[in-house]
């Protein structure tokens, strides 16, 4: 089932990107133009969530298949290093909300400073080269402005959504006793909103409590 879900997410991301680049006109007065950007951003979020499931070994029990889905998803998302992501993610789970947590920023809780630091920590020269090459290859077949609006902008929207709902809101100060031992809070029980906001990862305490529960089963962990 994990493989099927991963294939569906990756396929929807690819198909909608292809459709947008080919058939959606860049028109700033057309609401549908913005709808396609938002939808592609949401699919980018799903792409990263798929990689995240792979990090926890929940896409497939076969290690090679599982790692392959993680590697493909992170490359498609933004040329990211799956090895670096998985290493840092397990550090995050080991010491969430502490100085040694690579996803946490103790020096400031300002959203934009923390988000900028978060992006900087995961940006590499290799990633920049991969994305630059991919951009220029896409220019062979598609309009440059369309690539920016439907490929570049949605990727940033995806990182915003992932960071805001999956890192900032769950782990920001103050850390209360109720958040222990994971230093993570959780959204109120609302499965529709939890799915729309970040593929159920607003149920973040539940994720830390059961990290091997895939995103599409995470709602079942929500009790209150």
Protein backbone atom coordinates (compact mmCIF):
# COMPACT_ATOMS: atom_id res chain seq x y z
CA UNK A 1 0.00 0.00 0.00
CA UNK A 2 2.87 2.37 0.78
CA UNK A 3 4.29 1.92 -2.71
CA UNK A 4 0.87 2.60 -4.27
CA UNK A 5 0.37 5.77 -2.24
CA UNK A 6 3.87 6.98 -3.12
CA UNK A 7 3.30 6.30 -6.82
CA UNK A 8 -0.02 8.19 -6.74
CA UNK A 9 1.56 11.25 -5.09
CA UNK A 10 4.55 11.34 -7.46
CA UNK A 11 2.30 10.76 -10.50
CA UNK A 12 -0.11 13.54 -9.57
CA UNK A 13 2.82 15.90 -9.03
CA UNK A 14 4.32 15.05 -12.43
CA UNK A 15 1.03 15.05 -14.36
CA UNK A 16 -0.16 18.36 -12.94
CA UNK A 17 3.24 19.96 -13.57
CA UNK A 18 3.18 18.74 -17.17
CA UNK A 19 -0.38 19.97 -17.62
CA UNK A 20 0.38 23.38 -16.09
CA UNK A 21 3.50 23.93 -18.18
CA UNK A 22 1.68 22.99 -21.38
CA UNK A 23 -1.87 24.19 -21.00
CA UNK A 24 -2.20 26.79 -18.21
CA UNK A 25 -1.67 30.34 -19.39
CA UNK A 26 0.22 32.73 -17.14
CA UNK A 27 -2.55 35.23 -16.50
CA UNK A 28 -2.41 37.28 -13.29
CA UNK A 29 -6.09 38.26 -13.46
CA UNK A 30 -7.34 34.68 -13.83
CA UNK A 31 -8.11 32.98 -10.46
CA UNK A 32 -7.51 29.54 -12.02
CA UNK A 33 -3.89 30.51 -12.67
CA UNK A 34 -3.34 30.94 -8.92
CA UNK A 35 -5.31 27.79 -8.17
CA UNK A 36 -2.90 25.74 -10.30
CA UNK A 37 0.10 27.28 -8.52
CA UNK A 38 -1.39 26.47 -5.12
CA UNK A 39 -2.29 22.94 -6.18
CA UNK A 40 1.22 22.32 -7.49
CA UNK A 41 2.63 23.67 -4.21
CA UNK A 42 0.43 21.22 -2.31
CA UNK A 43 1.66 18.38 -4.51
CA UNK A 44 5.25 19.45 -3.81
CA UNK A 45 4.44 19.08 -0.12
CA UNK A 46 3.17 15.57 -0.81
CA UNK A 47 6.38 14.81 -2.68
CA UNK A 48 8.45 15.67 0.39
CA UNK A 49 6.07 13.80 2.70
CA UNK A 50 6.68 10.73 0.51
CA UNK A 51 10.43 11.15 1.02
CA UNK A 52 9.80 11.57 4.73
CA UNK A 53 7.90 8.28 4.85
CA UNK A 54 10.85 6.65 3.09
CA UNK A 55 13.16 7.99 5.80
CA UNK A 56 11.10 6.09 8.34
CA UNK A 57 11.00 2.97 6.18
CA UNK A 58 7.24 3.03 5.64
CA UNK A 59 7.01 3.19 1.84
CA UNK A 60 8.20 -0.39 1.44
CA UNK A 61 9.66 -3.13 3.62
CA UNK A 62 12.24 -3.62 0.87
CA UNK A 63 15.13 -1.31 1.79
CA UNK A 64 16.23 -0.72 -1.80
CA UNK A 65 12.71 0.17 -3.00
CA UNK A 66 12.12 2.33 0.05
CA UNK A 67 15.40 4.25 -0.42
CA UNK A 68 14.73 4.60 -4.16
CA UNK A 69 11.40 6.34 -3.49
CA UNK A 70 13.07 8.61 -0.96
CA UNK A 71 15.89 9.49 -3.34
CA UNK A 72 13.56 10.11 -6.30
CA UNK A 73 11.17 12.25 -4.24
CA UNK A 74 13.91 14.49 -2.82
CA UNK A 75 15.56 14.95 -6.22
CA UNK A 76 12.21 15.85 -7.82
CA UNK A 77 11.35 18.19 -4.96
CA UNK A 78 14.42 20.41 -5.31
CA UNK A 79 17.54 18.39 -6.03
CA UNK A 80 17.94 17.69 -2.32
CA UNK A 81 20.34 15.20 -0.79
CA UNK A 82 18.36 12.27 0.61
CA UNK A 83 21.37 11.14 2.65
CA UNK A 84 21.71 14.53 4.33
CA UNK A 85 17.97 14.77 4.95
CA UNK A 86 17.70 11.36 6.59
CA UNK A 87 20.75 11.99 8.77
CA UNK A 88 19.37 15.31 10.03
CA UNK A 89 15.84 14.01 10.38
CA UNK A 90 16.87 11.31 12.80
CA UNK A 91 18.82 13.91 14.77
CA UNK A 92 15.57 15.88 14.92
CA UNK A 93 13.68 12.88 16.29
CA UNK A 94 16.42 12.16 18.81
CA UNK A 95 16.52 15.68 20.30
CA UNK A 96 13.47 17.64 19.07
CA UNK A 97 13.42 21.32 19.97
CA UNK A 98 16.96 21.33 21.37
CA UNK A 99 20.20 22.96 20.30
CA UNK A 100 21.34 19.76 18.58
CA UNK A 101 18.11 19.54 16.56
CA UNK A 102 19.10 20.64 12.99
CA UNK A 103 15.49 21.69 12.27
CA UNK A 104 15.20 23.90 15.36
CA UNK A 105 16.58 27.40 15.81
CA UNK A 106 17.22 28.44 19.39
CA UNK A 107 18.56 31.92 18.61
CA UNK A 108 15.26 33.26 17.29
CA UNK A 109 11.65 32.16 17.10
CA UNK A 110 10.86 34.73 14.43
CA UNK A 111 9.18 32.76 11.66
CA UNK A 112 11.10 34.26 8.73
CA UNK A 113 14.52 34.12 10.44
CA UNK A 114 13.94 30.50 11.41
CA UNK A 115 12.59 29.59 7.96
CA UNK A 116 15.54 31.26 6.27
CA UNK A 117 17.96 29.40 8.53
CA UNK A 118 16.08 26.17 7.83
CA UNK A 119 16.44 26.66 4.06
CA UNK A 120 20.10 27.66 4.36
CA UNK A 121 21.00 24.54 6.34
CA UNK A 122 19.63 22.27 3.64
CA UNK A 123 20.95 24.14 0.59
CA UNK A 124 24.05 22.68 -1.06
CA UNK A 125 26.18 23.55 -4.08
CA UNK A 126 25.20 20.22 -5.64
CA UNK A 127 21.52 21.09 -5.25
CA UNK A 128 22.00 24.48 -6.92
CA UNK A 129 23.80 22.84 -9.84
CA UNK A 130 21.09 20.17 -10.23
CA UNK A 131 18.32 22.76 -10.23
CA UNK A 132 20.16 25.05 -12.64
CA UNK A 133 20.71 22.18 -15.08
CA UNK A 134 17.09 21.05 -14.74
CA UNK A 135 15.83 24.60 -15.32
CA UNK A 136 17.81 24.95 -18.51
CA UNK A 137 16.69 21.55 -19.77
CA UNK A 138 13.05 22.46 -19.11
CA UNK A 139 13.58 25.67 -21.12
CA UNK A 140 14.11 23.53 -24.21
CA UNK A 141 10.45 22.49 -24.19
CA UNK A 142 8.58 25.00 -22.01
CA UNK A 143 8.19 28.75 -21.63
CA UNK A 144 10.65 30.17 -19.11
CA UNK A 145 8.05 32.23 -17.23
CA UNK A 146 5.76 29.21 -16.97
CA UNK A 147 8.65 27.20 -15.50
CA UNK A 148 9.17 29.88 -12.86
CA UNK A 149 5.47 30.08 -11.97
CA UNK A 150 4.62 26.36 -11.99
CA UNK A 151 7.94 24.71 -11.10
CA UNK A 152 9.96 27.18 -9.00
CA UNK A 153 7.27 29.10 -7.08
CA UNK A 154 5.31 25.98 -6.02
CA UNK A 155 8.50 24.40 -4.65
CA UNK A 156 8.94 27.40 -2.35
CA UNK A 157 5.28 27.21 -1.37
CA UNK A 158 5.82 23.55 -0.53
CA UNK A 159 8.78 24.37 1.73
CA UNK A 160 6.69 27.09 3.39
CA UNK A 161 3.82 24.68 4.05
CA UNK A 162 6.13 21.96 5.33
CA UNK A 163 8.04 24.31 7.60
CA UNK A 164 5.02 26.20 8.97
CA UNK A 165 2.80 23.22 9.75
CA UNK A 166 5.45 20.53 10.22
CA UNK A 167 8.19 22.36 12.12
CA UNK A 168 7.34 25.89 13.28
CA UNK A 169 3.87 25.43 14.78
CA UNK A 170 4.59 22.04 16.39
CA UNK A 171 7.99 22.87 17.89
CA UNK A 172 8.15 26.63 18.54
CA UNK A 173 8.50 28.02 22.05
CA UNK A 174 7.09 27.88 24.64
CA UNK A 175 7.63 24.19 25.30
CA UNK A 176 5.05 23.08 27.84
CA UNK A 177 4.88 19.94 29.96
CA UNK A 178 2.07 18.68 27.74
CA UNK A 179 4.48 18.62 24.78
CA UNK A 180 6.99 16.31 26.50
CA UNK A 181 8.88 14.14 25.79
CA UNK A 182 8.84 15.17 22.12
CA UNK A 183 8.63 18.94 22.59
CA UNK A 184 5.86 18.81 20.00
CA UNK A 185 2.31 20.09 20.01
CA UNK A 186 -0.52 18.88 17.81
CA UNK A 187 -3.42 20.35 15.84
CA UNK A 188 -6.93 19.97 17.13
CA UNK A 189 -8.73 16.93 15.77
CA UNK A 190 -9.98 17.88 12.32
CA UNK A 191 -8.95 15.35 9.70
CA UNK A 192 -9.97 17.46 6.69
CA UNK A 193 -7.96 20.46 7.84
CA UNK A 194 -5.06 18.23 8.92
CA UNK A 195 -4.94 16.70 5.44
CA UNK A 196 -5.22 20.03 3.62
CA UNK A 197 -2.73 21.83 5.83
CA UNK A 198 0.09 19.27 5.71
CA UNK A 199 -0.93 15.67 4.99
CA UNK A 200 -1.80 15.07 8.67
CA UNK A 201 1.59 16.24 9.93
CA UNK A 202 -0.11 18.89 12.02
CA UNK A 203 -0.78 15.86 14.22
CA UNK A 204 2.86 16.20 15.05
CA UNK A 205 3.00 14.87 18.58
CA UNK A 206 1.39 11.72 17.20
CA UNK A 207 4.07 11.47 14.52
CA UNK A 208 6.85 11.66 17.10
CA UNK A 209 5.02 9.13 19.25
CA UNK A 210 4.69 6.74 16.30
CA UNK A 211 7.28 7.68 13.63
CA UNK A 212 6.74 4.45 11.67
CA UNK A 213 3.09 5.28 11.03
CA UNK A 214 2.85 6.47 7.37
CA UNK A 215 1.25 9.84 6.69
CA UNK A 216 -1.93 8.30 5.28
CA UNK A 217 -2.52 6.40 8.53
CA UNK A 218 -1.43 9.16 10.91
CA UNK A 219 -4.99 10.41 11.47
CA UNK A 220 -5.75 7.09 13.20
CA UNK A 221 -3.28 8.02 15.93
CA UNK A 222 -5.22 11.16 16.81
CA UNK A 223 -7.24 10.53 19.97
CA UNK A 224 -8.23 13.96 21.19
